[in-house]
Amino acid sequence: MFRYQFSASGVPELSRRSAPRLSYIAKDQFSTDWSSELHTHSCVELFFIQDGHGRFRTLYEEFPISVQDLLIVNANVPHTEVSSMKSPLRYTVLGVEGLKAAASEGGYSMLHIYDGWAELSGCLELMLQESSKSLPGHEEACQHLLEVVLIRLGREQNMSFSGDVPGPRASQECELIRRYIDNHFKEDLNLDHLARLAHLNKYYLSHSFRREFGTSPINYLISRRVEESRFLLRKTDYSLSLIAEILGFSSLSYFSQSFHRVEGISPTEYRKQNREKT
């Protein structure tokens, strides 16, 4: 494990007062002596997963993590990372003081970086190089690189960073996804697509959405399609196959199964019971 601890002496006075400050940078890869005990830190940590697979664990929850995931853990939040033995985790972590990130009630966020990962990795690699050589001005250089990383995350991932505690990001993104489903439920949607829109790890999105609305994103999608199908069954002479196609179901059988699961009867029986005569 490589770890470099920064002091405040190499950072200009203005930066120390007005901007989050890089406390440390570390690069680690799973090994047999890796400790997976829950622990806390006095600053925000940003974990950039560079390789491998594993799980992120808190006091009450656990999620899969993999390459191009970003974990943001606020100060004093118990957490740990557990690596897969077959595909060892490798990550770079930044410890940042004077920073708070919009997060779930648990004090953390999980994103998947679809765009701009190479540029972020380049900034991290430069920070590691500067830290390892300890050349004059390296702490100031790393501080500026941190600012670039935070700006890019704020711009491309719609992240909120500040010295104040913002509203829970997960709630905001879940509401965005709910509205998107309401407007696009007839289209070919899946969890990967929705997670990409929210810039969230798909497992974290599913968990957060269920906590927010009492159902998963995909079940909510199905319920919206079934709701629309009830109208079409009552008001039109469309065949079941055409209704399934209009509403984005992959097949007639999937439509029938989904409708029966939600309504308790088949689409055909529903039409017989509720058909309005014209």
C-alpha atoms as a PDB file:
ATOM      1  CA  MET A   1       0.000   0.000   0.000  1.00  0.00           C
ATOM      2  CA  PHE A   2       1.252   3.471  -0.903  1.00  0.00           C
ATOM      3  CA  ARG A   3       0.023   6.335   1.297  1.00  0.00           C
ATOM      4  CA  TYR A   4       1.134   9.940   1.502  1.00  0.00           C
ATOM      5  CA  GLN A   5      -0.028  12.239   4.302  1.00  0.00           C
ATOM      6  CA  PHE A   6      -0.199  15.946   3.504  1.00  0.00           C
ATOM      7  CA  SER A   7       0.427  18.865   5.824  1.00  0.00           C
ATOM      8  CA  ALA A   8      -1.167  22.290   5.481  1.00  0.00           C
ATOM      9  CA  SER A   9       2.207  24.017   5.181  1.00  0.00           C
ATOM     10  CA  GLY A  10       2.562  23.414   1.458  1.00  0.00           C
ATOM     11  CA  VAL A  11      -0.851  24.821   0.588  1.00  0.00           C
ATOM     12  CA  PRO A  12      -1.347  28.583   0.122  1.00  0.00           C
ATOM     13  CA  GLU A  13      -3.225  30.350   2.935  1.00  0.00           C
ATOM     14  CA  LEU A  14      -6.108  31.320   0.642  1.00  0.00           C
ATOM     15  CA  SER A  15      -6.671  27.681  -0.384  1.00  0.00           C
ATOM     16  CA  ARG A  16      -6.647  26.516   3.235  1.00  0.00           C
ATOM     17  CA  ARG A  17      -9.439  28.977   4.072  1.00  0.00           C
ATOM     18  CA  SER A  18     -11.650  28.692   1.010  1.00  0.00           C
ATOM     19  CA  ALA A  19     -11.331  25.202  -0.444  1.00  0.00           C
ATOM     20  CA  PRO A  20     -11.429  21.550   0.646  1.00  0.00           C
ATOM     21  CA  ARG A  21      -7.917  20.376   1.523  1.00  0.00           C
ATOM     22  CA  LEU A  22      -6.285  17.116   0.514  1.00  0.00           C
ATOM     23  CA  SER A  23      -5.315  15.312   3.715  1.00  0.00           C
ATOM     24  CA  TYR A  24      -3.909  12.137   2.173  1.00  0.00           C
ATOM     25  CA  ILE A  25      -3.807   9.995  -0.937  1.00  0.00           C
ATOM     26  CA  ALA A  26      -3.416   6.213  -0.875  1.00  0.00           C
ATOM     27  CA  LYS A  27      -3.250   3.414  -3.406  1.00  0.00           C
ATOM     28  CA  ASP A  28      -4.000  -0.120  -2.312  1.00  0.00           C
ATOM     29  CA  GLN A  29      -4.640  -3.603  -3.687  1.00  0.00           C
ATOM     30  CA  PHE A  30      -6.140  -6.576  -1.924  1.00  0.00           C
ATOM     31  CA  SER A  31      -3.725  -8.950  -0.219  1.00  0.00           C
ATOM     32  CA  THR A  32      -4.023 -11.623   2.452  1.00  0.00           C
ATOM     33  CA  ASP A  33      -3.232  -9.119   5.213  1.00  0.00           C
ATOM     34  CA  TRP A  34      -5.990  -6.725   4.093  1.00  0.00           C
ATOM     35  CA  SER A  35      -8.148  -5.701   7.066  1.00  0.00           C
ATOM     36  CA  SER A  36     -11.907  -5.645   6.421  1.00  0.00           C
ATOM     37  CA  GLU A  37     -12.927  -4.378   9.842  1.00  0.00           C
ATOM     38  CA  LEU A  38     -15.404  -1.488   9.976  1.00  0.00           C
ATOM     39  CA  HIS A  39     -13.603   1.794  10.614  1.00  0.00           C
ATOM     40  CA  THR A  40     -14.127   5.552  10.386  1.00  0.00           C
ATOM     41  CA  HIS A  41     -12.133   8.596   9.297  1.00  0.00           C
ATOM     42  CA  SER A  42     -12.237  12.211  10.389  1.00  0.00           C
ATOM     43  CA  CYS A  43     -12.550  13.453   6.799  1.00  0.00           C
ATOM     44  CA  VAL A  44     -14.444  12.590   3.618  1.00  0.00           C
ATOM     45  CA  GLU A  45     -12.972   9.704   1.611  1.00  0.00           C
ATOM     46  CA  LEU A  46     -13.316   9.297  -2.164  1.00  0.00           C
ATOM     47  CA  PHE A  47     -12.631   5.725  -3.329  1.00  0.00           C
ATOM     48  CA  PHE A  48     -11.925   5.279  -7.044  1.00  0.00           C
ATOM     49  CA  ILE A  49     -12.134   1.552  -7.900  1.00  0.00           C
ATOM     50  CA  GLN A  50      -9.426   0.931 -10.489  1.00  0.00           C
ATOM     51  CA  ASP A  51      -9.699  -2.840 -10.870  1.00  0.00           C
ATOM     52  CA  GLY A  52     -11.314  -5.974  -9.463  1.00  0.00           C
ATOM     53  CA  HIS A  53     -14.606  -6.720  -7.733  1.00  0.00           C
ATOM     54  CA  GLY A  54     -15.751  -6.674  -4.148  1.00  0.00           C
ATOM     55  CA  ARG A  55     -18.327  -5.300  -1.747  1.00  0.00           C
ATOM     56  CA  PHE A  56     -18.734  -2.050   0.135  1.00  0.00           C
ATOM     57  CA  ARG A  57     -20.011  -2.595   3.670  1.00  0.00           C
ATOM     58  CA  THR A  58     -21.465  -0.265   6.314  1.00  0.00           C
ATOM     59  CA  LEU A  59     -23.086  -0.996   9.673  1.00  0.00           C
ATOM     60  CA  TYR A  60     -26.405  -1.903   8.056  1.00  0.00           C
ATOM     61  CA  GLU A  61     -25.898  -2.357   4.306  1.00  0.00           C
ATOM     62  CA  GLU A  62     -23.657  -4.011   1.742  1.00  0.00           C
ATOM     63  CA  PHE A  63     -23.348  -3.460  -2.038  1.00  0.00           C
ATOM     64  CA  PRO A  64     -21.280  -4.937  -4.885  1.00  0.00           C
ATOM     65  CA  ILE A  65     -18.540  -2.664  -6.263  1.00  0.00           C
ATOM     66  CA  SER A  66     -16.356  -2.957  -9.353  1.00  0.00           C
ATOM     67  CA  VAL A  67     -14.210  -1.030 -11.841  1.00  0.00           C
ATOM     68  CA  GLN A  68     -15.151   2.642 -12.399  1.00  0.00           C
ATOM     69  CA  ASP A  69     -17.271   2.810  -9.257  1.00  0.00           C
ATOM     70  CA  LEU A  70     -16.738   5.812  -7.005  1.00  0.00           C
ATOM     71  CA  LEU A  71     -17.550   5.591  -3.292  1.00  0.00           C
ATOM     72  CA  ILE A  72     -17.887   8.838  -1.360  1.00  0.00           C
ATOM     73  CA  VAL A  73     -17.954   8.349   2.407  1.00  0.00           C
ATOM     74  CA  ASN A  74     -18.553  11.298   4.709  1.00  0.00           C
ATOM     75  CA  ALA A  75     -16.552  11.752   7.901  1.00  0.00           C
ATOM     76  CA  ASN A  76     -17.196   9.432  10.866  1.00  0.00           C
ATOM     77  CA  VAL A  77     -19.240   6.897   8.861  1.00  0.00           C
ATOM     78  CA  PRO A  78     -18.302   3.258   9.711  1.00  0.00           C
ATOM     79  CA  HIS A  79     -17.399   1.371   6.537  1.00  0.00           C
ATOM     80  CA  THR A  80     -15.061  -1.158   4.958  1.00  0.00           C
ATOM     81  CA  GLU A  81     -14.324  -2.802   1.626  1.00  0.00           C
ATOM     82  CA  VAL A  82     -14.306  -6.570   1.077  1.00  0.00           C
ATOM     83  CA  SER A  83     -12.491  -7.895  -1.984  1.00  0.00           C
ATOM     84  CA  SER A  84     -13.205 -10.832  -4.237  1.00  0.00           C
ATOM     85  CA  MET A  85     -10.391 -13.388  -4.029  1.00  0.00           C
ATOM     86  CA  LYS A  86     -10.570 -14.204  -7.765  1.00  0.00           C
ATOM     87  CA  SER A  87     -10.642 -10.558  -8.884  1.00  0.00           C
ATOM     88  CA  PRO A  88      -8.768  -8.511  -6.247  1.00  0.00           C
ATOM     89  CA  LEU A  89      -9.842  -4.940  -5.620  1.00  0.00           C
ATOM     90  CA  ARG A  90      -7.426  -2.166  -6.468  1.00  0.00           C
ATOM     91  CA  TYR A  91      -8.312   1.421  -5.660  1.00  0.00           C
ATOM     92  CA  THR A  92      -7.034   4.924  -5.079  1.00  0.00           C
ATOM     93  CA  VAL A  93      -8.497   6.857  -2.149  1.00  0.00           C
ATOM     94  CA  LEU A  94      -8.408  10.569  -1.394  1.00  0.00           C
ATOM     95  CA  GLY A  95      -8.908  11.849   2.144  1.00  0.00           C
ATOM     96  CA  VAL A  96     -10.322  15.382   1.980  1.00  0.00           C
ATOM     97  CA  GLU A  97     -10.885  17.801   4.858  1.00  0.00           C
ATOM     98  CA  GLY A  98     -13.406  20.649   4.770  1.00  0.00           C
ATOM     99  CA  LEU A  99     -15.688  18.773   2.382  1.00  0.00           C
ATOM    100  CA  LYS A 100     -19.161  17.310   2.667  1.00  0.00           C
ATOM    101  CA  ALA A 101     -20.866  15.449  -0.122  1.00  0.00           C
ATOM    102  CA  ALA A 102     -24.564  15.031  -0.781  1.00  0.00           C
ATOM    103  CA  ALA A 103     -25.223  11.497   0.395  1.00  0.00           C
ATOM    104  CA  SER A 104     -27.828   9.038   1.569  1.00  0.00           C
ATOM    105  CA  GLU A 105     -29.007   8.972   5.154  1.00  0.00           C
ATOM    106  CA  GLY A 106     -26.167   6.543   5.804  1.00  0.00           C
ATOM    107  CA  GLY A 107     -23.619   9.219   4.947  1.00  0.00           C
ATOM    108  CA  TYR A 108     -22.261   7.777   1.702  1.00  0.00           C
ATOM    109  CA  SER A 109     -22.895   7.709  -2.050  1.00  0.00           C
ATOM    110  CA  MET A 110     -22.017   5.177  -4.721  1.00  0.00           C
ATOM    111  CA  LEU A 111     -21.630   6.276  -8.341  1.00  0.00           C
ATOM    112  CA  HIS A 112     -20.570   4.577 -11.529  1.00  0.00           C
ATOM    113  CA  ILE A 113     -18.423   6.826 -13.726  1.00  0.00           C
ATOM    114  CA  TYR A 114     -19.458   6.237 -17.335  1.00  0.00           C
ATOM    115  CA  ASP A 115     -17.808   9.304 -18.871  1.00  0.00           C
ATOM    116  CA  GLY A 116     -14.537  10.974 -17.958  1.00  0.00           C
ATOM    117  CA  TRP A 117     -13.001   8.035 -16.073  1.00  0.00           C
ATOM    118  CA  ALA A 118      -9.704   8.189 -17.993  1.00  0.00           C
ATOM    119  CA  GLU A 119      -9.305  11.889 -17.213  1.00  0.00           C
ATOM    120  CA  LEU A 120     -10.032  11.364 -13.518  1.00  0.00           C
ATOM    121  CA  SER A 121      -7.590   8.448 -13.404  1.00  0.00           C
ATOM    122  CA  GLY A 122      -4.978  10.678 -15.039  1.00  0.00           C
ATOM    123  CA  CYS A 123      -5.390  13.279 -12.279  1.00  0.00           C
ATOM    124  CA  LEU A 124      -5.067  10.587  -9.610  1.00  0.00           C
ATOM    125  CA  GLU A 125      -1.930   9.183 -11.217  1.00  0.00           C
ATOM    126  CA  LEU A 126      -0.358  12.655 -11.328  1.00  0.00           C
ATOM    127  CA  MET A 127      -1.193  13.122  -7.647  1.00  0.00           C
ATOM    128  CA  LEU A 128       0.464   9.804  -6.813  1.00  0.00           C
ATOM    129  CA  GLN A 129       3.554  10.710  -8.837  1.00  0.00           C
ATOM    130  CA  GLU A 130       3.874  14.118  -7.173  1.00  0.00           C
ATOM    131  CA  SER A 131       3.422  12.584  -3.721  1.00  0.00           C
ATOM    132  CA  SER A 132       5.938   9.788  -4.213  1.00  0.00           C
ATOM    133  CA  LYS A 133       8.714  12.116  -5.433  1.00  0.00           C
ATOM    134  CA  SER A 134       8.071  14.842  -2.821  1.00  0.00           C
ATOM    135  CA  LEU A 135       9.480  17.531  -5.094  1.00  0.00           C
ATOM    136  CA  PRO A 136       9.190  21.217  -4.122  1.00  0.00           C
ATOM    137  CA  GLY A 137       5.602  22.376  -4.524  1.00  0.00           C
ATOM    138  CA  HIS A 138       4.156  18.859  -4.730  1.00  0.00           C
ATOM    139  CA  GLU A 139       1.509  19.501  -2.060  1.00  0.00           C
ATOM    140  CA  GLU A 140       0.265  22.607  -3.846  1.00  0.00           C
ATOM    141  CA  ALA A 141       0.219  20.693  -7.154  1.00  0.00           C
ATOM    142  CA  CYS A 142      -1.844  17.913  -5.575  1.00  0.00           C
ATOM    143  CA  GLN A 143      -4.220  20.457  -4.071  1.00  0.00           C
ATOM    144  CA  HIS A 144      -4.862  21.936  -7.518  1.00  0.00           C
ATOM    145  CA  LEU A 145      -5.365  18.457  -8.976  1.00  0.00           C
ATOM    146  CA  LEU A 146      -7.911  17.734  -6.233  1.00  0.00           C
ATOM    147  CA  GLU A 147      -9.815  20.842  -7.271  1.00  0.00           C
ATOM    148  CA  VAL A 148      -9.824  19.598 -10.866  1.00  0.00           C
ATOM    149  CA  VAL A 149     -11.204  16.215  -9.723  1.00  0.00           C
ATOM    150  CA  LEU A 150     -13.996  17.872  -7.700  1.00  0.00           C
ATOM    151  CA  ILE A 151     -14.878  20.241 -10.540  1.00  0.00           C
ATOM    152  CA  ARG A 152     -15.108  17.378 -13.034  1.00  0.00           C
ATOM    153  CA  LEU A 153     -17.251  15.316 -10.664  1.00  0.00           C
ATOM    154  CA  GLY A 154     -19.512  18.285 -10.076  1.00  0.00           C
ATOM    155  CA  ARG A 155     -19.804  18.976 -13.799  1.00  0.00           C
ATOM    156  CA  GLU A 156     -20.079  15.479 -15.248  1.00  0.00           C
ATOM    157  CA  GLN A 157     -21.617  13.485 -12.403  1.00  0.00           C
ATOM    158  CA  ASN A 158     -23.922  16.209 -11.039  1.00  0.00           C
ATOM    159  CA  MET A 159     -22.351  15.836  -7.609  1.00  0.00           C
ATOM    160  CA  SER A 160     -22.822  18.413  -4.880  1.00  0.00           C
ATOM    161  CA  PHE A 161     -19.840  19.288  -2.705  1.00  0.00           C
ATOM    162  CA  SER A 162     -19.788  22.028  -0.098  1.00  0.00           C
ATOM    163  CA  GLY A 163     -19.020  22.949   3.480  1.00  0.00           C
ATOM    164  CA  ASP A 164     -22.736  22.670   4.280  1.00  0.00           C
ATOM    165  CA  VAL A 165     -24.792  19.522   4.460  1.00  0.00           C
ATOM    166  CA  PRO A 166     -26.915  19.359   1.273  1.00  0.00           C
ATOM    167  CA  GLY A 167     -30.021  17.328   0.728  1.00  0.00           C
ATOM    168  CA  PRO A 168     -29.590  13.557   0.296  1.00  0.00           C
ATOM    169  CA  ARG A 169     -28.320  12.919  -3.212  1.00  0.00           C
ATOM    170  CA  ALA A 170     -29.872   9.482  -3.413  1.00  0.00           C
ATOM    171  CA  SER A 171     -33.334  10.965  -2.830  1.00  0.00           C
ATOM    172  CA  GLN A 172     -32.779  13.541  -5.553  1.00  0.00           C
ATOM    173  CA  GLU A 173     -31.612  10.958  -8.062  1.00  0.00           C
ATOM    174  CA  CYS A 174     -34.404   8.521  -7.183  1.00  0.00           C
ATOM    175  CA  GLU A 175     -36.955  11.250  -7.836  1.00  0.00           C
ATOM    176  CA  LEU A 176     -35.253  11.973 -11.168  1.00  0.00           C
ATOM    177  CA  ILE A 177     -35.471   8.300 -12.134  1.00  0.00           C
ATOM    178  CA  ARG A 178     -39.118   8.071 -11.053  1.00  0.00           C
ATOM    179  CA  ARG A 179     -40.004  11.044 -13.247  1.00  0.00           C
ATOM    180  CA  TYR A 180     -37.989   9.607 -16.120  1.00  0.00           C
ATOM    181  CA  ILE A 181     -39.869   6.307 -15.893  1.00  0.00           C
ATOM    182  CA  ASP A 182     -43.181   8.187 -15.795  1.00  0.00           C
ATOM    183  CA  ASN A 183     -42.271   9.912 -19.067  1.00  0.00           C
ATOM    184  CA  HIS A 184     -40.531   7.025 -20.848  1.00  0.00           C
ATOM    185  CA  PHE A 185     -42.146   3.809 -19.570  1.00  0.00           C
ATOM    186  CA  LYS A 186     -43.109   2.745 -23.106  1.00  0.00           C
ATOM    187  CA  GLU A 187     -39.449   2.672 -24.142  1.00  0.00           C
ATOM    188  CA  ASP A 188     -36.912  -0.130 -23.776  1.00  0.00           C
ATOM    189  CA  LEU A 189     -35.632   0.560 -20.256  1.00  0.00           C
ATOM    190  CA  ASN A 190     -33.487  -1.542 -17.946  1.00  0.00           C
ATOM    191  CA  LEU A 191     -31.638  -1.030 -14.671  1.00  0.00           C
ATOM    192  CA  ASP A 192     -28.292  -0.406 -16.374  1.00  0.00           C
ATOM    193  CA  HIS A 193     -29.815   2.393 -18.467  1.00  0.00           C
ATOM    194  CA  LEU A 194     -31.485   4.004 -15.440  1.00  0.00           C
ATOM    195  CA  ALA A 195     -28.293   3.798 -13.369  1.00  0.00           C
ATOM    196  CA  ARG A 196     -26.375   5.464 -16.176  1.00  0.00           C
ATOM    197  CA  LEU A 197     -28.872   8.330 -16.212  1.00  0.00           C
ATOM    198  CA  ALA A 198     -28.514   8.797 -12.450  1.00  0.00           C
ATOM    199  CA  HIS A 199     -24.717   8.289 -12.470  1.00  0.00           C
ATOM    200  CA  LEU A 200     -25.196   5.750  -9.680  1.00  0.00           C
ATOM    201  CA  ASN A 201     -24.079   2.197  -9.054  1.00  0.00           C
ATOM    202  CA  LYS A 202     -27.077   0.128 -10.203  1.00  0.00           C
ATOM    203  CA  TYR A 203     -27.294  -1.890  -6.990  1.00  0.00           C
ATOM    204  CA  TYR A 204     -27.179   1.283  -4.939  1.00  0.00           C
ATOM    205  CA  LEU A 205     -29.866   2.859  -7.150  1.00  0.00           C
ATOM    206  CA  SER A 206     -32.152  -0.140  -6.749  1.00  0.00           C
ATOM    207  CA  HIS A 207     -31.698  -0.171  -2.972  1.00  0.00           C
ATOM    208  CA  SER A 208     -32.174   3.590  -2.599  1.00  0.00           C
ATOM    209  CA  PHE A 209     -35.222   3.645  -4.903  1.00  0.00           C
ATOM    210  CA  ARG A 210     -36.878   0.872  -2.905  1.00  0.00           C
ATOM    211  CA  ARG A 211     -36.171   2.706   0.344  1.00  0.00           C
ATOM    212  CA  GLU A 212     -37.604   5.924  -1.118  1.00  0.00           C
ATOM    213  CA  PHE A 213     -40.714   4.553  -2.890  1.00  0.00           C
ATOM    214  CA  GLY A 214     -41.261   1.079  -1.467  1.00  0.00           C
ATOM    215  CA  THR A 215     -40.522  -0.729  -4.728  1.00  0.00           C
ATOM    216  CA  SER A 216     -37.626  -1.315  -7.116  1.00  0.00           C
ATOM    217  CA  PRO A 217     -37.140   0.798 -10.282  1.00  0.00           C
ATOM    218  CA  ILE A 218     -38.048  -2.149 -12.505  1.00  0.00           C
ATOM    219  CA  ASN A 219     -41.180  -3.019 -10.527  1.00  0.00           C
ATOM    220  CA  TYR A 220     -42.198   0.631 -10.672  1.00  0.00           C
ATOM    221  CA  LEU A 221     -41.659   0.537 -14.448  1.00  0.00           C
ATOM    222  CA  ILE A 222     -43.840  -2.562 -14.738  1.00  0.00           C
ATOM    223  CA  SER A 223     -46.579  -1.009 -12.601  1.00  0.00           C
ATOM    224  CA  ARG A 224     -46.667   2.072 -14.867  1.00  0.00           C
ATOM    225  CA  ARG A 225     -46.948  -0.127 -17.949  1.00  0.00           C
ATOM    226  CA  VAL A 226     -49.696  -2.230 -16.381  1.00  0.00           C
ATOM    227  CA  GLU A 227     -51.545   0.924 -15.372  1.00  0.00           C
ATOM    228  CA  GLU A 228     -51.497   2.118 -18.996  1.00  0.00           C
ATOM    229  CA  SER A 229     -52.478  -1.324 -20.259  1.00  0.00           C
ATOM    230  CA  ARG A 230     -55.660  -1.219 -18.175  1.00  0.00           C
ATOM    231  CA  PHE A 231     -56.747   1.865 -20.115  1.00  0.00           C
ATOM    232  CA  LEU A 232     -55.951   0.236 -23.474  1.00  0.00           C
ATOM    233  CA  LEU A 233     -57.783  -2.944 -22.520  1.00  0.00           C
ATOM    234  CA  ARG A 234     -60.901  -0.987 -21.593  1.00  0.00           C
ATOM    235  CA  LYS A 235     -60.909   1.631 -24.338  1.00  0.00           C
ATOM    236  CA  THR A 236     -59.495  -0.055 -27.440  1.00  0.00           C
ATOM    237  CA  ASP A 237     -59.800  -3.198 -29.532  1.00  0.00           C
ATOM    238  CA  TYR A 238     -56.025  -3.608 -29.705  1.00  0.00           C
ATOM    239  CA  SER A 239     -54.815  -7.171 -29.497  1.00  0.00           C
ATOM    240  CA  LEU A 240     -52.835  -8.219 -26.436  1.00  0.00           C
ATOM    241  CA  SER A 241     -49.743  -8.563 -28.607  1.00  0.00           C
ATOM    242  CA  LEU A 242     -50.071  -5.005 -29.870  1.00  0.00           C
ATOM    243  CA  ILE A 243     -50.628  -3.644 -26.357  1.00  0.00           C
ATOM    244  CA  ALA A 244     -47.535  -5.496 -25.157  1.00  0.00           C
ATOM    245  CA  GLU A 245     -45.518  -4.006 -28.018  1.00  0.00           C
ATOM    246  CA  ILE A 246     -46.832  -0.454 -27.471  1.00  0.00           C
ATOM    247  CA  LEU A 247     -45.948  -0.559 -23.783  1.00  0.00           C
ATOM    248  CA  GLY A 248     -42.422  -1.880 -24.197  1.00  0.00           C
ATOM    249  CA  PHE A 249     -42.896  -5.451 -22.974  1.00  0.00           C
ATOM    250  CA  SER A 250     -40.431  -7.815 -24.590  1.00  0.00           C
ATOM    251  CA  SER A 251     -43.090 -10.430 -25.307  1.00  0.00           C
ATOM    252  CA  LEU A 252     -46.792 -11.187 -24.920  1.00  0.00           C
ATOM    253  CA  SER A 253     -46.048 -13.793 -22.270  1.00  0.00           C
ATOM    254  CA  TYR A 254     -44.026 -11.301 -20.213  1.00  0.00           C
ATOM    255  CA  PHE A 255     -46.876  -8.800 -20.455  1.00  0.00           C
ATOM    256  CA  SER A 256     -49.416 -11.418 -19.355  1.00  0.00           C
ATOM    257  CA  GLN A 257     -47.241 -12.567 -16.445  1.00  0.00           C
ATOM    258  CA  SER A 258     -46.594  -8.999 -15.311  1.00  0.00           C
ATOM    259  CA  PHE A 259     -50.262  -8.037 -15.550  1.00  0.00           C
ATOM    260  CA  HIS A 260     -51.366 -11.094 -13.573  1.00  0.00           C
ATOM    261  CA  ARG A 261     -48.745 -10.422 -10.895  1.00  0.00           C
ATOM    262  CA  VAL A 262     -49.977  -6.847 -10.428  1.00  0.00           C
ATOM    263  CA  GLU A 263     -53.738  -7.264 -10.944  1.00  0.00           C
ATOM    264  CA  GLY A 264     -54.297 -10.859  -9.889  1.00  0.00           C
ATOM    265  CA  ILE A 265     -56.102 -11.749 -13.128  1.00  0.00           C
ATOM    266  CA  SER A 266     -55.116 -12.117 -16.779  1.00  0.00           C
ATOM    267  CA  PRO A 267     -55.379  -9.244 -19.290  1.00  0.00           C
ATOM    268  CA  THR A 268     -58.118 -11.131 -21.136  1.00  0.00           C
ATOM    269  CA  GLU A 269     -60.200 -11.565 -17.991  1.00  0.00           C
ATOM    270  CA  TYR A 270     -59.676  -7.921 -17.058  1.00  0.00           C
ATOM    271  CA  ARG A 271     -60.919  -6.839 -20.485  1.00  0.00           C
ATOM    272  CA  LYS A 272     -64.027  -8.993 -20.161  1.00  0.00           C
ATOM    273  CA  GLN A 273     -64.831  -7.584 -16.718  1.00  0.00           C
ATOM    274  CA  ASN A 274     -64.114  -3.929 -17.442  1.00  0.00           C
ATOM    275  CA  ARG A 275     -64.724  -3.366 -21.131  1.00  0.00           C
ATOM    276  CA  GLU A 276     -66.749  -0.192 -21.653  1.00  0.00           C
ATOM    277  CA  LYS A 277     -69.320  -0.465 -24.425  1.00  0.00           C
ATOM    278  CA  THR A 278     -69.257   2.247 -27.017  1.00  0.00           C
END
